[in-house]
Amino acid sequence: MNNWIKLFCVFSLFALNSGAFAQELDVQQLIGEWKVDLRPSPDAEPYFQKLIITEVNGQSFKGTFYYDSEIIHAALNLEWGVITLAFVTQDNSGFYNSAAHIIDGKLRGTTHSIGRDFVSVWSAEKVN
């Protein structure tokens, strides 16, 4: 094998293992208040609620969503080079399964309500 190819392969393996090509993902940017637009369709009037993330710890986080419903079963995934989060909230109608990821500093997400039989597409901007 050509020495240049060998050198390139060794460098590439070193760089990938050291994270030189990986984007640094700062999960602490999740902490704070997010203004969530839960409008039911793209042409509907905005309908805002709060997502508040108070703590990020490892692959989990704490907070509240939609009328201060406590976030349960929270999880984070960083394996795809983007911060992806999933969590569950509940009210008298049942459980809400939500998932989102950060794109250009904004959250893009979905919420599935089993008890109310709907899927909501939403976006959020950080307030503070």
C-alpha atoms as a PDB file:
ATOM      1  CA  MET A   1       0.000   0.000   0.000  1.00  0.00           C
ATOM      2  CA  ASN A   2       1.236   3.479  -0.847  1.00  0.00           C
ATOM      3  CA  ASN A   3       2.782   5.269   2.162  1.00  0.00           C
ATOM      4  CA  TRP A   4       0.596   8.327   1.557  1.00  0.00           C
ATOM      5  CA  ILE A   5      -2.536   6.187   1.712  1.00  0.00           C
ATOM      6  CA  LYS A   6      -1.330   4.553   4.924  1.00  0.00           C
ATOM      7  CA  LEU A   7      -0.589   7.955   6.445  1.00  0.00           C
ATOM      8  CA  PHE A   8      -4.009   9.264   5.401  1.00  0.00           C
ATOM      9  CA  CYS A   9      -5.761   6.222   6.918  1.00  0.00           C
ATOM     10  CA  VAL A  10      -3.887   6.550  10.207  1.00  0.00           C
ATOM     11  CA  PHE A  11      -4.604  10.290  10.380  1.00  0.00           C
ATOM     12  CA  SER A  12      -8.281   9.751   9.550  1.00  0.00           C
ATOM     13  CA  LEU A  13      -8.710   7.131  12.265  1.00  0.00           C
ATOM     14  CA  PHE A  14      -6.940   9.364  14.782  1.00  0.00           C
ATOM     15  CA  ALA A  15      -9.057  12.390  13.831  1.00  0.00           C
ATOM     16  CA  LEU A  16     -12.332  10.475  14.006  1.00  0.00           C
ATOM     17  CA  ASN A  17     -11.465   8.899  17.352  1.00  0.00           C
ATOM     18  CA  SER A  18     -10.313  12.220  18.801  1.00  0.00           C
ATOM     19  CA  GLY A  19     -13.490  13.990  17.690  1.00  0.00           C
ATOM     20  CA  ALA A  20     -11.633  16.398  15.396  1.00  0.00           C
ATOM     21  CA  PHE A  21     -14.384  16.131  12.787  1.00  0.00           C
ATOM     22  CA  ALA A  22     -17.264  15.806  15.238  1.00  0.00           C
ATOM     23  CA  GLN A  23     -19.387  18.820  16.065  1.00  0.00           C
ATOM     24  CA  GLU A  24     -19.188  19.756  19.733  1.00  0.00           C
ATOM     25  CA  LEU A  25     -22.706  19.447  21.110  1.00  0.00           C
ATOM     26  CA  ASP A  26     -23.454  21.628  24.128  1.00  0.00           C
ATOM     27  CA  VAL A  27     -26.511  20.110  25.804  1.00  0.00           C
ATOM     28  CA  GLN A  28     -26.453  22.913  28.385  1.00  0.00           C
ATOM     29  CA  GLN A  29     -27.970  25.164  25.691  1.00  0.00           C
ATOM     30  CA  LEU A  30     -31.233  23.324  26.350  1.00  0.00           C
ATOM     31  CA  ILE A  31     -31.505  24.836  29.842  1.00  0.00           C
ATOM     32  CA  GLY A  32     -33.912  27.749  30.001  1.00  0.00           C
ATOM     33  CA  GLU A  33     -37.345  28.756  28.804  1.00  0.00           C
ATOM     34  CA  TRP A  34     -38.498  27.957  25.271  1.00  0.00           C
ATOM     35  CA  LYS A  35     -41.498  29.638  23.588  1.00  0.00           C
ATOM     36  CA  VAL A  36     -43.274  26.787  21.800  1.00  0.00           C
ATOM     37  CA  ASP A  37     -45.645  27.431  18.899  1.00  0.00           C
ATOM     38  CA  LEU A  38     -48.249  24.657  19.010  1.00  0.00           C
ATOM     39  CA  ARG A  39     -50.512  25.938  16.218  1.00  0.00           C
ATOM     40  CA  PRO A  40     -52.575  23.055  14.786  1.00  0.00           C
ATOM     41  CA  SER A  41     -51.768  23.879  11.136  1.00  0.00           C
ATOM     42  CA  PRO A  42     -49.320  26.130   9.266  1.00  0.00           C
ATOM     43  CA  ASP A  43     -52.026  28.700   8.447  1.00  0.00           C
ATOM     44  CA  ALA A  44     -53.510  28.851  11.987  1.00  0.00           C
ATOM     45  CA  GLU A  45     -52.858  31.650  14.444  1.00  0.00           C
ATOM     46  CA  PRO A  46     -49.842  31.067  16.712  1.00  0.00           C
ATOM     47  CA  TYR A  47     -50.604  29.238  19.958  1.00  0.00           C
ATOM     48  CA  PHE A  48     -47.759  29.596  22.450  1.00  0.00           C
ATOM     49  CA  GLN A  49     -46.870  27.512  25.489  1.00  0.00           C
ATOM     50  CA  LYS A  50     -43.696  27.148  27.546  1.00  0.00           C
ATOM     51  CA  LEU A  51     -41.125  24.392  27.617  1.00  0.00           C
ATOM     52  CA  ILE A  52     -38.837  24.947  30.588  1.00  0.00           C
ATOM     53  CA  ILE A  53     -35.735  22.803  30.959  1.00  0.00           C
ATOM     54  CA  THR A  54     -34.201  23.243  34.392  1.00  0.00           C
ATOM     55  CA  GLU A  55     -31.424  20.665  34.398  1.00  0.00           C
ATOM     56  CA  VAL A  56     -29.488  18.447  32.008  1.00  0.00           C
ATOM     57  CA  ASN A  57     -27.735  15.471  33.537  1.00  0.00           C
ATOM     58  CA  GLY A  58     -25.981  12.941  31.325  1.00  0.00           C
ATOM     59  CA  GLN A  59     -28.519  11.588  28.865  1.00  0.00           C
ATOM     60  CA  SER A  60     -31.553  12.971  30.701  1.00  0.00           C
ATOM     61  CA  PHE A  61     -33.069  16.296  31.699  1.00  0.00           C
ATOM     62  CA  LYS A  62     -35.743  17.824  33.940  1.00  0.00           C
ATOM     63  CA  GLY A  63     -38.375  20.450  33.360  1.00  0.00           C
ATOM     64  CA  THR A  64     -41.989  21.226  32.508  1.00  0.00           C
ATOM     65  CA  PHE A  65     -44.061  21.572  29.356  1.00  0.00           C
ATOM     66  CA  TYR A  66     -47.564  22.786  28.524  1.00  0.00           C
ATOM     67  CA  TYR A  67     -49.220  24.258  31.600  1.00  0.00           C
ATOM     68  CA  ASP A  68     -46.380  23.188  33.886  1.00  0.00           C
ATOM     69  CA  SER A  69     -46.801  19.452  33.312  1.00  0.00           C
ATOM     70  CA  GLU A  70     -43.725  17.715  34.711  1.00  0.00           C
ATOM     71  CA  ILE A  71     -41.444  16.105  32.146  1.00  0.00           C
ATOM     72  CA  ILE A  72     -40.980  12.389  32.811  1.00  0.00           C
ATOM     73  CA  HIS A  73     -38.996   9.682  31.007  1.00  0.00           C
ATOM     74  CA  ALA A  74     -36.678  12.311  29.462  1.00  0.00           C
ATOM     75  CA  ALA A  75     -33.866  11.170  27.179  1.00  0.00           C
ATOM     76  CA  LEU A  76     -31.161  12.755  25.026  1.00  0.00           C
ATOM     77  CA  ASN A  77     -29.401  11.360  21.958  1.00  0.00           C
ATOM     78  CA  LEU A  78     -26.233  12.952  20.553  1.00  0.00           C
ATOM     79  CA  GLU A  79     -25.115  10.063  18.339  1.00  0.00           C
ATOM     80  CA  TRP A  80     -26.287  11.619  15.055  1.00  0.00           C
ATOM     81  CA  GLY A  81     -24.390  14.897  15.457  1.00  0.00           C
ATOM     82  CA  VAL A  82     -27.473  16.825  16.571  1.00  0.00           C
ATOM     83  CA  ILE A  83     -29.093  17.234  19.972  1.00  0.00           C
ATOM     84  CA  THR A  84     -32.239  15.110  19.967  1.00  0.00           C
ATOM     85  CA  LEU A  85     -34.547  14.949  22.961  1.00  0.00           C
ATOM     86  CA  ALA A  86     -37.622  12.927  23.853  1.00  0.00           C
ATOM     87  CA  PHE A  87     -39.911  13.099  26.857  1.00  0.00           C
ATOM     88  CA  VAL A  88     -43.346  12.302  28.218  1.00  0.00           C
ATOM     89  CA  THR A  89     -45.874  14.560  29.949  1.00  0.00           C
ATOM     90  CA  GLN A  90     -49.399  13.825  31.116  1.00  0.00           C
ATOM     91  CA  ASP A  91     -52.726  15.384  32.021  1.00  0.00           C
ATOM     92  CA  ASN A  92     -56.247  14.078  32.690  1.00  0.00           C
ATOM     93  CA  SER A  93     -56.562  12.825  29.095  1.00  0.00           C
ATOM     94  CA  GLY A  94     -53.425  10.682  29.266  1.00  0.00           C
ATOM     95  CA  PHE A  95     -49.824  10.719  28.133  1.00  0.00           C
ATOM     96  CA  TYR A  96     -48.125  12.957  25.573  1.00  0.00           C
ATOM     97  CA  ASN A  97     -44.995  11.653  23.862  1.00  0.00           C
ATOM     98  CA  SER A  98     -42.807  14.463  22.523  1.00  0.00           C
ATOM     99  CA  ALA A  99     -39.550  14.496  20.591  1.00  0.00           C
ATOM    100  CA  ALA A 100     -37.490  17.314  19.102  1.00  0.00           C
ATOM    101  CA  HIS A 101     -34.080  18.263  17.813  1.00  0.00           C
ATOM    102  CA  ILE A 102     -32.197  21.538  17.590  1.00  0.00           C
ATOM    103  CA  ILE A 103     -31.726  23.067  14.147  1.00  0.00           C
ATOM    104  CA  ASP A 104     -30.030  26.473  13.938  1.00  0.00           C
ATOM    105  CA  GLY A 105     -30.728  27.187  17.615  1.00  0.00           C
ATOM    106  CA  LYS A 106     -34.441  26.351  17.379  1.00  0.00           C
ATOM    107  CA  LEU A 107     -36.304  23.261  18.480  1.00  0.00           C
ATOM    108  CA  ARG A 108     -38.352  21.374  15.886  1.00  0.00           C
ATOM    109  CA  GLY A 109     -40.596  18.763  17.408  1.00  0.00           C
ATOM    110  CA  THR A 110     -43.686  16.612  17.466  1.00  0.00           C
ATOM    111  CA  THR A 111     -46.080  15.595  20.201  1.00  0.00           C
ATOM    112  CA  HIS A 112     -48.296  12.521  20.026  1.00  0.00           C
ATOM    113  CA  SER A 113     -51.340  12.421  22.300  1.00  0.00           C
ATOM    114  CA  ILE A 114     -52.721   8.927  22.664  1.00  0.00           C
ATOM    115  CA  GLY A 115     -55.686   9.980  24.834  1.00  0.00           C
ATOM    116  CA  ARG A 116     -56.720  12.836  22.534  1.00  0.00           C
ATOM    117  CA  ASP A 117     -55.713  11.033  19.306  1.00  0.00           C
ATOM    118  CA  PHE A 118     -53.572  13.676  17.594  1.00  0.00           C
ATOM    119  CA  VAL A 119     -50.043  14.396  16.427  1.00  0.00           C
ATOM    120  CA  SER A 120     -48.846  17.979  16.717  1.00  0.00           C
ATOM    121  CA  VAL A 121     -45.897  19.485  14.851  1.00  0.00           C
ATOM    122  CA  TRP A 122     -44.261  22.368  16.706  1.00  0.00           C
ATOM    123  CA  SER A 123     -41.299  24.716  16.821  1.00  0.00           C
ATOM    124  CA  ALA A 124     -39.722  26.633  19.676  1.00  0.00           C
ATOM    125  CA  GLU A 125     -37.376  29.546  20.200  1.00  0.00           C
ATOM    126  CA  LYS A 126     -35.368  30.072  23.350  1.00  0.00           C
ATOM    127  CA  VAL A 127     -36.563  32.994  25.458  1.00  0.00           C
ATOM    128  CA  ASN A 128     -33.730  32.941  28.003  1.00  0.00           C
END
